[in-house]
Amino acid sequence: MEFSTYNILDAKVQALLSLGDRDIGNLIFEASLTGLDRGSWRRLLRKYEDLLNKYVYSWKSLNGELPWSHIRIPGADEENLKSLMLKYVNEVNISLPA
């Protein structure tokens, strides 16, 4: 049996950076002024907890528009990404809310 973990702090930062929009600009700016160590990220996430709740811990519809939807990358269109996500969900037997 294999078991892997992912650091929760890294996951929160990654999720906020990927789901956030212009609202997280100040967080990114402040992060750039720090050493970008774990303590700095912890302090920033506490300071910007409202953004974490807004972008990471809120319900998202599969049909909702993402903040980076206007960026076009060949092979990374939303329908293709959605089908890959659903394939993964089916493979690992995760049930999605209706």
PDB file of N, CA and C in Angstrom:
ATOM      1  N   MET A   1       0.837  -1.163   0.000  1.00  0.00           N
ATOM      2  CA  MET A   1       0.000   0.000   0.000  1.00  0.00           C
ATOM      3  C   MET A   1       0.896   1.245   0.000  1.00  0.00           C
ATOM      4  N   GLU A   2       0.517   2.209  -0.820  1.00  0.00           N
ATOM      5  CA  GLU A   2       1.253   3.472  -0.860  1.00  0.00           C
ATOM      6  C   GLU A   2       0.402   4.566  -0.234  1.00  0.00           C
ATOM      7  N   PHE A   3       1.083   5.513   0.361  1.00  0.00           N
ATOM      8  CA  PHE A   3       0.396   6.624   0.988  1.00  0.00           C
ATOM      9  C   PHE A   3       1.234   7.875   0.766  1.00  0.00           C
ATOM     10  N   SER A   4       0.595   8.928   0.315  1.00  0.00           N
ATOM     11  CA  SER A   4       1.321  10.185   0.140  1.00  0.00           C
ATOM     12  C   SER A   4       0.536  11.301   0.805  1.00  0.00           C
ATOM     13  N   THR A   5       1.237  12.354   1.155  1.00  0.00           N
ATOM     14  CA  THR A   5       0.599  13.498   1.788  1.00  0.00           C
ATOM     15  C   THR A   5       0.972  14.768   1.035  1.00  0.00           C
ATOM     16  N   TYR A   6       0.235  15.803   1.308  1.00  0.00           N
ATOM     17  CA  TYR A   6       0.508  17.108   0.718  1.00  0.00           C
ATOM     18  C   TYR A   6       0.351  18.131   1.820  1.00  0.00           C
ATOM     19  N   ASN A   7       1.328  18.979   1.976  1.00  0.00           N
ATOM     20  CA  ASN A   7       1.306  19.972   3.041  1.00  0.00           C
ATOM     21  C   ASN A   7       0.102  20.888   2.895  1.00  0.00           C
ATOM     22  N   ILE A   8      -0.676  21.029   3.951  1.00  0.00           N
ATOM     23  CA  ILE A   8      -1.912  21.803   3.907  1.00  0.00           C
ATOM     24  C   ILE A   8      -1.647  23.281   3.635  1.00  0.00           C
ATOM     25  N   LEU A   9      -0.547  23.821   4.145  1.00  0.00           N
ATOM     26  CA  LEU A   9      -0.214  25.215   3.884  1.00  0.00           C
ATOM     27  C   LEU A   9       0.058  25.418   2.398  1.00  0.00           C
ATOM     28  N   ASP A  10       0.848  24.522   1.809  1.00  0.00           N
ATOM     29  CA  ASP A  10       1.121  24.602   0.370  1.00  0.00           C
ATOM     30  C   ASP A  10      -0.174  24.503  -0.434  1.00  0.00           C
ATOM     31  N   ALA A  11      -1.065  23.627  -0.004  1.00  0.00           N
ATOM     32  CA  ALA A  11      -2.331  23.445  -0.715  1.00  0.00           C
ATOM     33  C   ALA A  11      -3.184  24.710  -0.648  1.00  0.00           C
ATOM     34  N   LYS A  12      -3.230  25.351   0.513  1.00  0.00           N
ATOM     35  CA  LYS A  12      -4.012  26.584   0.651  1.00  0.00           C
ATOM     36  C   LYS A  12      -3.456  27.690  -0.236  1.00  0.00           C
ATOM     37  N   VAL A  13      -2.143  27.870  -0.214  1.00  0.00           N
ATOM     38  CA  VAL A  13      -1.513  28.908  -1.034  1.00  0.00           C
ATOM     39  C   VAL A  13      -1.754  28.622  -2.501  1.00  0.00           C
ATOM     40  N   GLN A  14      -1.543  27.390  -2.906  1.00  0.00           N
ATOM     41  CA  GLN A  14      -1.735  27.008  -4.308  1.00  0.00           C
ATOM     42  C   GLN A  14      -3.183  27.226  -4.745  1.00  0.00           C
ATOM     43  N   ALA A  15      -4.127  26.844  -3.914  1.00  0.00           N
ATOM     44  CA  ALA A  15      -5.539  27.016  -4.251  1.00  0.00           C
ATOM     45  C   ALA A  15      -5.898  28.499  -4.349  1.00  0.00           C
ATOM     46  N   LEU A  16      -5.420  29.299  -3.408  1.00  0.00           N
ATOM     47  CA  LEU A  16      -5.735  30.726  -3.436  1.00  0.00           C
ATOM     48  C   LEU A  16      -5.142  31.396  -4.674  1.00  0.00           C
ATOM     49  N   LEU A  17      -3.912  31.061  -5.017  1.00  0.00           N
ATOM     50  CA  LEU A  17      -3.283  31.653  -6.196  1.00  0.00           C
ATOM     51  C   LEU A  17      -3.960  31.215  -7.489  1.00  0.00           C
ATOM     52  N   SER A  18      -4.463  29.997  -7.523  1.00  0.00           N
ATOM     53  CA  SER A  18      -5.082  29.518  -8.760  1.00  0.00           C
ATOM     54  C   SER A  18      -6.545  29.914  -8.897  1.00  0.00           C
ATOM     55  N   LEU A  19      -7.235  30.137  -7.790  1.00  0.00           N
ATOM     56  CA  LEU A  19      -8.659  30.478  -7.846  1.00  0.00           C
ATOM     57  C   LEU A  19      -8.938  31.966  -7.678  1.00  0.00           C
ATOM     58  N   GLY A  20      -7.974  32.695  -7.144  1.00  0.00           N
ATOM     59  CA  GLY A  20      -8.177  34.115  -6.883  1.00  0.00           C
ATOM     60  C   GLY A  20      -8.110  34.952  -8.152  1.00  0.00           C
ATOM     61  N   ASP A  21      -8.613  36.162  -8.035  1.00  0.00           N
ATOM     62  CA  ASP A  21      -8.543  37.095  -9.162  1.00  0.00           C
ATOM     63  C   ASP A  21      -7.755  38.326  -8.713  1.00  0.00           C
ATOM     64  N   ARG A  22      -8.095  39.485  -9.221  1.00  0.00           N
ATOM     65  CA  ARG A  22      -7.358  40.702  -8.885  1.00  0.00           C
ATOM     66  C   ARG A  22      -7.367  41.010  -7.391  1.00  0.00           C
ATOM     67  N   ASP A  23      -8.353  40.491  -6.685  1.00  0.00           N
ATOM     68  CA  ASP A  23      -8.453  40.743  -5.243  1.00  0.00           C
ATOM     69  C   ASP A  23      -7.212  40.280  -4.478  1.00  0.00           C
ATOM     70  N   ILE A  24      -6.503  39.293  -5.000  1.00  0.00           N
ATOM     71  CA  ILE A  24      -5.355  38.767  -4.256  1.00  0.00           C
ATOM     72  C   ILE A  24      -4.048  39.480  -4.626  1.00  0.00           C
ATOM     73  N   GLY A  25      -4.159  40.556  -5.378  1.00  0.00           N
ATOM     74  CA  GLY A  25      -2.973  41.310  -5.785  1.00  0.00           C
ATOM     75  C   GLY A  25      -2.139  41.801  -4.611  1.00  0.00           C
ATOM     76  N   ASN A  26      -2.797  42.336  -3.588  1.00  0.00           N
ATOM     77  CA  ASN A  26      -2.051  42.820  -2.413  1.00  0.00           C
ATOM     78  C   ASN A  26      -1.345  41.682  -1.694  1.00  0.00           C
ATOM     79  N   LEU A  27      -2.003  40.524  -1.609  1.00  0.00           N
ATOM     80  CA  LEU A  27      -1.378  39.372  -0.979  1.00  0.00           C
ATOM     81  C   LEU A  27      -0.121  38.976  -1.755  1.00  0.00           C
ATOM     82  N   ILE A  28      -0.213  38.933  -3.079  1.00  0.00           N
ATOM     83  CA  ILE A  28       0.944  38.573  -3.904  1.00  0.00           C
ATOM     84  C   ILE A  28       2.060  39.597  -3.727  1.00  0.00           C
ATOM     85  N   PHE A  29       1.696  40.892  -3.699  1.00  0.00           N
ATOM     86  CA  PHE A  29       2.698  41.933  -3.509  1.00  0.00           C
ATOM     87  C   PHE A  29       3.389  41.784  -2.163  1.00  0.00           C
ATOM     88  N   GLU A  30       2.597  41.603  -1.105  1.00  0.00           N
ATOM     89  CA  GLU A  30       3.191  41.443   0.225  1.00  0.00           C
ATOM     90  C   GLU A  30       4.052  40.193   0.304  1.00  0.00           C
ATOM     91  N   ALA A  31       3.626  39.135  -0.341  1.00  0.00           N
ATOM     92  CA  ALA A  31       4.420  37.905  -0.349  1.00  0.00           C
ATOM     93  C   ALA A  31       5.766  38.142  -1.027  1.00  0.00           C
ATOM     94  N   SER A  32       5.768  38.962  -2.070  1.00  0.00           N
ATOM     95  CA  SER A  32       7.016  39.224  -2.788  1.00  0.00           C
ATOM     96  C   SER A  32       8.014  39.999  -1.936  1.00  0.00           C
ATOM     97  N   LEU A  33       7.536  40.687  -0.903  1.00  0.00           N
ATOM     98  CA  LEU A  33       8.412  41.461  -0.023  1.00  0.00           C
ATOM     99  C   LEU A  33       8.959  40.634   1.137  1.00  0.00           C
ATOM    100  N   THR A  34       8.484  39.399   1.281  1.00  0.00           N
ATOM    101  CA  THR A  34       8.923  38.534   2.379  1.00  0.00           C
ATOM    102  C   THR A  34       9.924  37.518   1.858  1.00  0.00           C
ATOM    103  N   GLY A  35      10.386  36.678   2.746  1.00  0.00           N
ATOM    104  CA  GLY A  35      11.302  35.604   2.363  1.00  0.00           C
ATOM    105  C   GLY A  35      10.576  34.421   1.753  1.00  0.00           C
ATOM    106  N   LEU A  36       9.241  34.503   1.671  1.00  0.00           N
ATOM    107  CA  LEU A  36       8.391  33.424   1.146  1.00  0.00           C
ATOM    108  C   LEU A  36       8.584  32.109   1.890  1.00  0.00           C
ATOM    109  N   ASP A  37       8.918  32.208   3.165  1.00  0.00           N
ATOM    110  CA  ASP A  37       9.021  30.988   3.959  1.00  0.00           C
ATOM    111  C   ASP A  37       7.644  30.638   4.522  1.00  0.00           C
ATOM    112  N   ARG A  38       7.542  29.506   5.159  1.00  0.00           N
ATOM    113  CA  ARG A  38       6.247  29.041   5.671  1.00  0.00           C
ATOM    114  C   ARG A  38       5.644  30.010   6.691  1.00  0.00           C
ATOM    115  N   GLY A  39       6.473  30.593   7.532  1.00  0.00           N
ATOM    116  CA  GLY A  39       5.966  31.544   8.516  1.00  0.00           C
ATOM    117  C   GLY A  39       5.352  32.764   7.853  1.00  0.00           C
ATOM    118  N   SER A  40       5.987  33.253   6.796  1.00  0.00           N
ATOM    119  CA  SER A  40       5.442  34.402   6.068  1.00  0.00           C
ATOM    120  C   SER A  40       4.098  34.065   5.455  1.00  0.00           C
ATOM    121  N   TRP A  41       3.995  32.891   4.847  1.00  0.00           N
ATOM    122  CA  TRP A  41       2.725  32.491   4.231  1.00  0.00           C
ATOM    123  C   TRP A  41       1.645  32.314   5.279  1.00  0.00           C
ATOM    124  N   ARG A  42       2.005  31.732   6.435  1.00  0.00           N
ATOM    125  CA  ARG A  42       1.011  31.566   7.504  1.00  0.00           C
ATOM    126  C   ARG A  42       0.460  32.925   7.952  1.00  0.00           C
ATOM    127  N   ARG A  43       1.358  33.894   8.149  1.00  0.00           N
ATOM    128  CA  ARG A  43       0.927  35.236   8.568  1.00  0.00           C
ATOM    129  C   ARG A  43       0.039  35.875   7.495  1.00  0.00           C
ATOM    130  N   LEU A  44       0.441  35.741   6.228  1.00  0.00           N
ATOM    131  CA  LEU A  44      -0.345  36.335   5.146  1.00  0.00           C
ATOM    132  C   LEU A  44      -1.726  35.690   5.036  1.00  0.00           C
ATOM    133  N   LEU A  45      -1.791  34.367   5.185  1.00  0.00           N
ATOM    134  CA  LEU A  45      -3.089  33.699   5.093  1.00  0.00           C
ATOM    135  C   LEU A  45      -3.988  34.083   6.264  1.00  0.00           C
ATOM    136  N   ARG A  46      -3.411  34.329   7.427  1.00  0.00           N
ATOM    137  CA  ARG A  46      -4.221  34.818   8.548  1.00  0.00           C
ATOM    138  C   ARG A  46      -4.726  36.224   8.254  1.00  0.00           C
ATOM    139  N   LYS A  47      -3.845  37.068   7.721  1.00  0.00           N
ATOM    140  CA  LYS A  47      -4.224  38.445   7.416  1.00  0.00           C
ATOM    141  C   LYS A  47      -5.297  38.504   6.337  1.00  0.00           C
ATOM    142  N   TYR A  48      -5.193  37.623   5.344  1.00  0.00           N
ATOM    143  CA  TYR A  48      -6.134  37.623   4.224  1.00  0.00           C
ATOM    144  C   TYR A  48      -7.092  36.433   4.302  1.00  0.00           C
ATOM    145  N   GLU A  49      -7.497  36.089   5.497  1.00  0.00           N
ATOM    146  CA  GLU A  49      -8.399  34.947   5.697  1.00  0.00           C
ATOM    147  C   GLU A  49      -9.712  35.122   4.928  1.00  0.00           C
ATOM    148  N   ASP A  50     -10.174  36.372   4.802  1.00  0.00           N
ATOM    149  CA  ASP A  50     -11.408  36.622   4.057  1.00  0.00           C
ATOM    150  C   ASP A  50     -11.270  36.186   2.593  1.00  0.00           C
ATOM    151  N   LEU A  51     -10.099  36.383   2.007  1.00  0.00           N
ATOM    152  CA  LEU A  51      -9.875  35.949   0.620  1.00  0.00           C
ATOM    153  C   LEU A  51      -9.814  34.427   0.531  1.00  0.00           C
ATOM    154  N   LEU A  52      -9.224  33.809   1.532  1.00  0.00           N
ATOM    155  CA  LEU A  52      -9.171  32.347   1.571  1.00  0.00           C
ATOM    156  C   LEU A  52     -10.583  31.779   1.620  1.00  0.00           C
ATOM    157  N   ASN A  53     -11.431  32.373   2.446  1.00  0.00           N
ATOM    158  CA  ASN A  53     -12.820  31.920   2.529  1.00  0.00           C
ATOM    159  C   ASN A  53     -13.567  32.176   1.226  1.00  0.00           C
ATOM    160  N   LYS A  54     -13.329  33.324   0.617  1.00  0.00           N
ATOM    161  CA  LYS A  54     -14.033  33.696  -0.610  1.00  0.00           C
ATOM    162  C   LYS A  54     -13.661  32.792  -1.783  1.00  0.00           C
ATOM    163  N   TYR A  55     -12.374  32.512  -1.941  1.00  0.00           N
ATOM    164  CA  TYR A  55     -11.926  31.792  -3.137  1.00  0.00           C
ATOM    165  C   TYR A  55     -11.688  30.299  -2.927  1.00  0.00           C
ATOM    166  N   VAL A  56     -11.261  29.898  -1.761  1.00  0.00           N
ATOM    167  CA  VAL A  56     -10.891  28.494  -1.560  1.00  0.00           C
ATOM    168  C   VAL A  56     -12.006  27.703  -0.900  1.00  0.00           C
ATOM    169  N   TYR A  57     -12.628  28.272   0.134  1.00  0.00           N
ATOM    170  CA  TYR A  57     -13.596  27.512   0.911  1.00  0.00           C
ATOM    171  C   TYR A  57     -15.049  27.749   0.515  1.00  0.00           C
ATOM    172  N   SER A  58     -15.281  28.366  -0.605  1.00  0.00           N
ATOM    173  CA  SER A  58     -16.655  28.601  -1.037  1.00  0.00           C
ATOM    174  C   SER A  58     -17.048  27.575  -2.096  1.00  0.00           C
ATOM    175  N   TRP A  59     -18.355  27.355  -2.217  1.00  0.00           N
ATOM    176  CA  TRP A  59     -18.889  26.415  -3.195  1.00  0.00           C
ATOM    177  C   TRP A  59     -18.663  26.952  -4.607  1.00  0.00           C
ATOM    178  N   LYS A  60     -18.232  26.073  -5.511  1.00  0.00           N
ATOM    179  CA  LYS A  60     -18.023  26.457  -6.891  1.00  0.00           C
ATOM    180  C   LYS A  60     -18.780  25.506  -7.808  1.00  0.00           C
ATOM    181  N   SER A  61     -19.525  26.058  -8.709  1.00  0.00           N
ATOM    182  CA  SER A  61     -20.259  25.251  -9.676  1.00  0.00           C
ATOM    183  C   SER A  61     -19.309  24.760 -10.762  1.00  0.00           C
ATOM    184  N   LEU A  62     -19.547  23.554 -11.248  1.00  0.00           N
ATOM    185  CA  LEU A  62     -18.735  23.046 -12.364  1.00  0.00           C
ATOM    186  C   LEU A  62     -18.935  23.878 -13.620  1.00  0.00           C
ATOM    187  N   ASN A  63     -20.036  24.592 -13.691  1.00  0.00           N
ATOM    188  CA  ASN A  63     -20.316  25.415 -14.869  1.00  0.00           C
ATOM    189  C   ASN A  63     -19.954  26.884 -14.656  1.00  0.00           C
ATOM    190  N   GLY A  64     -19.428  27.215 -13.494  1.00  0.00           N
ATOM    191  CA  GLY A  64     -19.069  28.599 -13.210  1.00  0.00           C
ATOM    192  C   GLY A  64     -17.813  29.023 -13.951  1.00  0.00           C
ATOM    193  N   GLU A  65     -17.714  30.310 -14.188  1.00  0.00           N
ATOM    194  CA  GLU A  65     -16.547  30.842 -14.876  1.00  0.00           C
ATOM    195  C   GLU A  65     -15.396  30.993 -13.891  1.00  0.00           C
ATOM    196  N   LEU A  66     -14.220  30.595 -14.324  1.00  0.00           N
ATOM    197  CA  LEU A  66     -13.027  30.717 -13.504  1.00  0.00           C
ATOM    198  C   LEU A  66     -12.348  32.054 -13.772  1.00  0.00           C
ATOM    199  N   PRO A  67     -11.581  32.584 -12.812  1.00  0.00           N
ATOM    200  CA  PRO A  67     -10.991  33.911 -12.994  1.00  0.00           C
ATOM    201  C   PRO A  67     -10.007  33.997 -14.148  1.00  0.00           C
ATOM    202  N   TRP A  68      -9.479  32.882 -14.579  1.00  0.00           N
ATOM    203  CA  TRP A  68      -8.508  32.883 -15.677  1.00  0.00           C
ATOM    204  C   TRP A  68      -9.104  32.316 -16.955  1.00  0.00           C
ATOM    205  N   SER A  69     -10.430  32.293 -17.055  1.00  0.00           N
ATOM    206  CA  SER A  69     -11.105  31.731 -18.235  1.00  0.00           C
ATOM    207  C   SER A  69     -10.777  32.482 -19.520  1.00  0.00           C
ATOM    208  N   HIS A  70     -10.403  33.734 -19.406  1.00  0.00           N
ATOM    209  CA  HIS A  70     -10.102  34.522 -20.602  1.00  0.00           C
ATOM    210  C   HIS A  70      -8.748  34.168 -21.223  1.00  0.00           C
ATOM    211  N   ILE A  71      -7.916  33.401 -20.526  1.00  0.00           N
ATOM    212  CA  ILE A  71      -6.610  32.995 -21.052  1.00  0.00           C
ATOM    213  C   ILE A  71      -6.798  31.751 -21.910  1.00  0.00           C
ATOM    214  N   ARG A  72      -6.306  31.792 -23.121  1.00  0.00           N
ATOM    215  CA  ARG A  72      -6.457  30.673 -24.054  1.00  0.00           C
ATOM    216  C   ARG A  72      -5.122  29.947 -24.236  1.00  0.00           C
ATOM    217  N   ILE A  73      -5.119  28.663 -23.894  1.00  0.00           N
ATOM    218  CA  ILE A  73      -3.942  27.816 -24.048  1.00  0.00           C
ATOM    219  C   ILE A  73      -4.378  26.584 -24.844  1.00  0.00           C
ATOM    220  N   PRO A  74      -3.706  26.284 -25.967  1.00  0.00           N
ATOM    221  CA  PRO A  74      -4.101  25.119 -26.767  1.00  0.00           C
ATOM    222  C   PRO A  74      -4.107  23.837 -25.923  1.00  0.00           C
ATOM    223  N   GLY A  75      -5.209  23.097 -25.992  1.00  0.00           N
ATOM    224  CA  GLY A  75      -5.340  21.838 -25.260  1.00  0.00           C
ATOM    225  C   GLY A  75      -5.808  22.003 -23.830  1.00  0.00           C
ATOM    226  N   ALA A  76      -5.924  23.240 -23.371  1.00  0.00           N
ATOM    227  CA  ALA A  76      -6.324  23.478 -21.985  1.00  0.00           C
ATOM    228  C   ALA A  76      -7.659  24.207 -21.922  1.00  0.00           C
ATOM    229  N   ASP A  77      -8.525  23.937 -22.908  1.00  0.00           N
ATOM    230  CA  ASP A  77      -9.835  24.577 -22.869  1.00  0.00           C
ATOM    231  C   ASP A  77     -10.648  23.977 -21.719  1.00  0.00           C
ATOM    232  N   GLU A  78     -11.630  24.725 -21.263  1.00  0.00           N
ATOM    233  CA  GLU A  78     -12.378  24.323 -20.071  1.00  0.00           C
ATOM    234  C   GLU A  78     -13.090  22.988 -20.224  1.00  0.00           C
ATOM    235  N   GLU A  79     -13.624  22.714 -21.399  1.00  0.00           N
ATOM    236  CA  GLU A  79     -14.315  21.427 -21.594  1.00  0.00           C
ATOM    237  C   GLU A  79     -13.343  20.264 -21.470  1.00  0.00           C
ATOM    238  N   ASN A  80     -12.151  20.403 -22.031  1.00  0.00           N
ATOM    239  CA  ASN A  80     -11.141  19.353 -21.926  1.00  0.00           C
ATOM    240  C   ASN A  80     -10.715  19.165 -20.468  1.00  0.00           C
ATOM    241  N   LEU A  81     -10.477  20.266 -19.762  1.00  0.00           N
ATOM    242  CA  LEU A  81     -10.083  20.171 -18.359  1.00  0.00           C
ATOM    243  C   LEU A  81     -11.189  19.572 -17.505  1.00  0.00           C
ATOM    244  N   LYS A  82     -12.442  19.952 -17.795  1.00  0.00           N
ATOM    245  CA  LYS A  82     -13.571  19.405 -17.043  1.00  0.00           C
ATOM    246  C   LYS A  82     -13.695  17.895 -17.275  1.00  0.00           C
ATOM    247  N   SER A  83     -13.501  17.455 -18.519  1.00  0.00           N
ATOM    248  CA  SER A  83     -13.595  16.014 -18.803  1.00  0.00           C
ATOM    249  C   SER A  83     -12.470  15.248 -18.111  1.00  0.00           C
ATOM    250  N   LEU A  84     -11.275  15.838 -18.050  1.00  0.00           N
ATOM    251  CA  LEU A  84     -10.167  15.189 -17.334  1.00  0.00           C
ATOM    252  C   LEU A  84     -10.468  15.097 -15.834  1.00  0.00           C
ATOM    253  N   MET A  85     -11.062  16.155 -15.264  1.00  0.00           N
ATOM    254  CA  MET A  85     -11.406  16.132 -13.853  1.00  0.00           C
ATOM    255  C   MET A  85     -12.461  15.059 -13.572  1.00  0.00           C
ATOM    256  N   LEU A  86     -13.486  14.990 -14.420  1.00  0.00           N
ATOM    257  CA  LEU A  86     -14.539  13.990 -14.219  1.00  0.00           C
ATOM    258  C   LEU A  86     -13.995  12.577 -14.377  1.00  0.00           C
ATOM    259  N   LYS A  87     -13.074  12.385 -15.308  1.00  0.00           N
ATOM    260  CA  LYS A  87     -12.427  11.074 -15.473  1.00  0.00           C
ATOM    261  C   LYS A  87     -11.688  10.698 -14.193  1.00  0.00           C
ATOM    262  N   TYR A  88     -10.952  11.646 -13.620  1.00  0.00           N
ATOM    263  CA  TYR A  88     -10.233  11.404 -12.373  1.00  0.00           C
ATOM    264  C   TYR A  88     -11.206  11.081 -11.244  1.00  0.00           C
ATOM    265  N   VAL A  89     -12.270  11.867 -11.131  1.00  0.00           N
ATOM    266  CA  VAL A  89     -13.262  11.656 -10.077  1.00  0.00           C
ATOM    267  C   VAL A  89     -13.849  10.250 -10.176  1.00  0.00           C
ATOM    268  N   ASN A  90     -14.135   9.812 -11.386  1.00  0.00           N
ATOM    269  CA  ASN A  90     -14.692   8.469 -11.574  1.00  0.00           C
ATOM    270  C   ASN A  90     -13.679   7.383 -11.234  1.00  0.00           C
ATOM    271  N   GLU A  91     -12.403   7.618 -11.570  1.00  0.00           N
ATOM    272  CA  GLU A  91     -11.374   6.615 -11.290  1.00  0.00           C
ATOM    273  C   GLU A  91     -11.137   6.417  -9.807  1.00  0.00           C
ATOM    274  N   VAL A  92     -11.224   7.480  -9.029  1.00  0.00           N
ATOM    275  CA  VAL A  92     -10.950   7.367  -7.594  1.00  0.00           C
ATOM    276  C   VAL A  92     -12.227   7.267  -6.758  1.00  0.00           C
ATOM    277  N   ASN A  93     -13.360   7.154  -7.467  1.00  0.00           N
ATOM    278  CA  ASN A  93     -14.651   6.963  -6.808  1.00  0.00           C
ATOM    279  C   ASN A  93     -15.014   8.082  -5.826  1.00  0.00           C
ATOM    280  N   ILE A  94     -14.826   9.301  -6.257  1.00  0.00           N
ATOM    281  CA  ILE A  94     -15.245  10.460  -5.466  1.00  0.00           C
ATOM    282  C   ILE A  94     -16.642  10.850  -5.946  1.00  0.00           C
ATOM    283  N   SER A  95     -17.526  11.117  -5.005  1.00  0.00           N
ATOM    284  CA  SER A  95     -18.858  11.569  -5.427  1.00  0.00           C
ATOM    285  C   SER A  95     -18.916  13.087  -5.328  1.00  0.00           C
ATOM    286  N   LEU A  96     -19.366  13.693  -6.409  1.00  0.00           N
ATOM    287  CA  LEU A  96     -19.531  15.143  -6.463  1.00  0.00           C
ATOM    288  C   LEU A  96     -20.942  15.506  -6.039  1.00  0.00           C
ATOM    289  N   PRO A  97     -21.108  16.673  -5.398  1.00  0.00           N
ATOM    290  CA  PRO A  97     -22.457  17.126  -5.065  1.00  0.00           C
ATOM    291  C   PRO A  97     -23.260  17.374  -6.326  1.00  0.00           C
ATOM    292  N   ALA A  98     -24.545  17.167  -6.257  1.00  0.00           N
ATOM    293  CA  ALA A  98     -25.413  17.369  -7.432  1.00  0.00           C
ATOM    294  C   ALA A  98     -25.548  18.829  -7.783  1.00  0.00           C
TER     295      ALA A  98
END
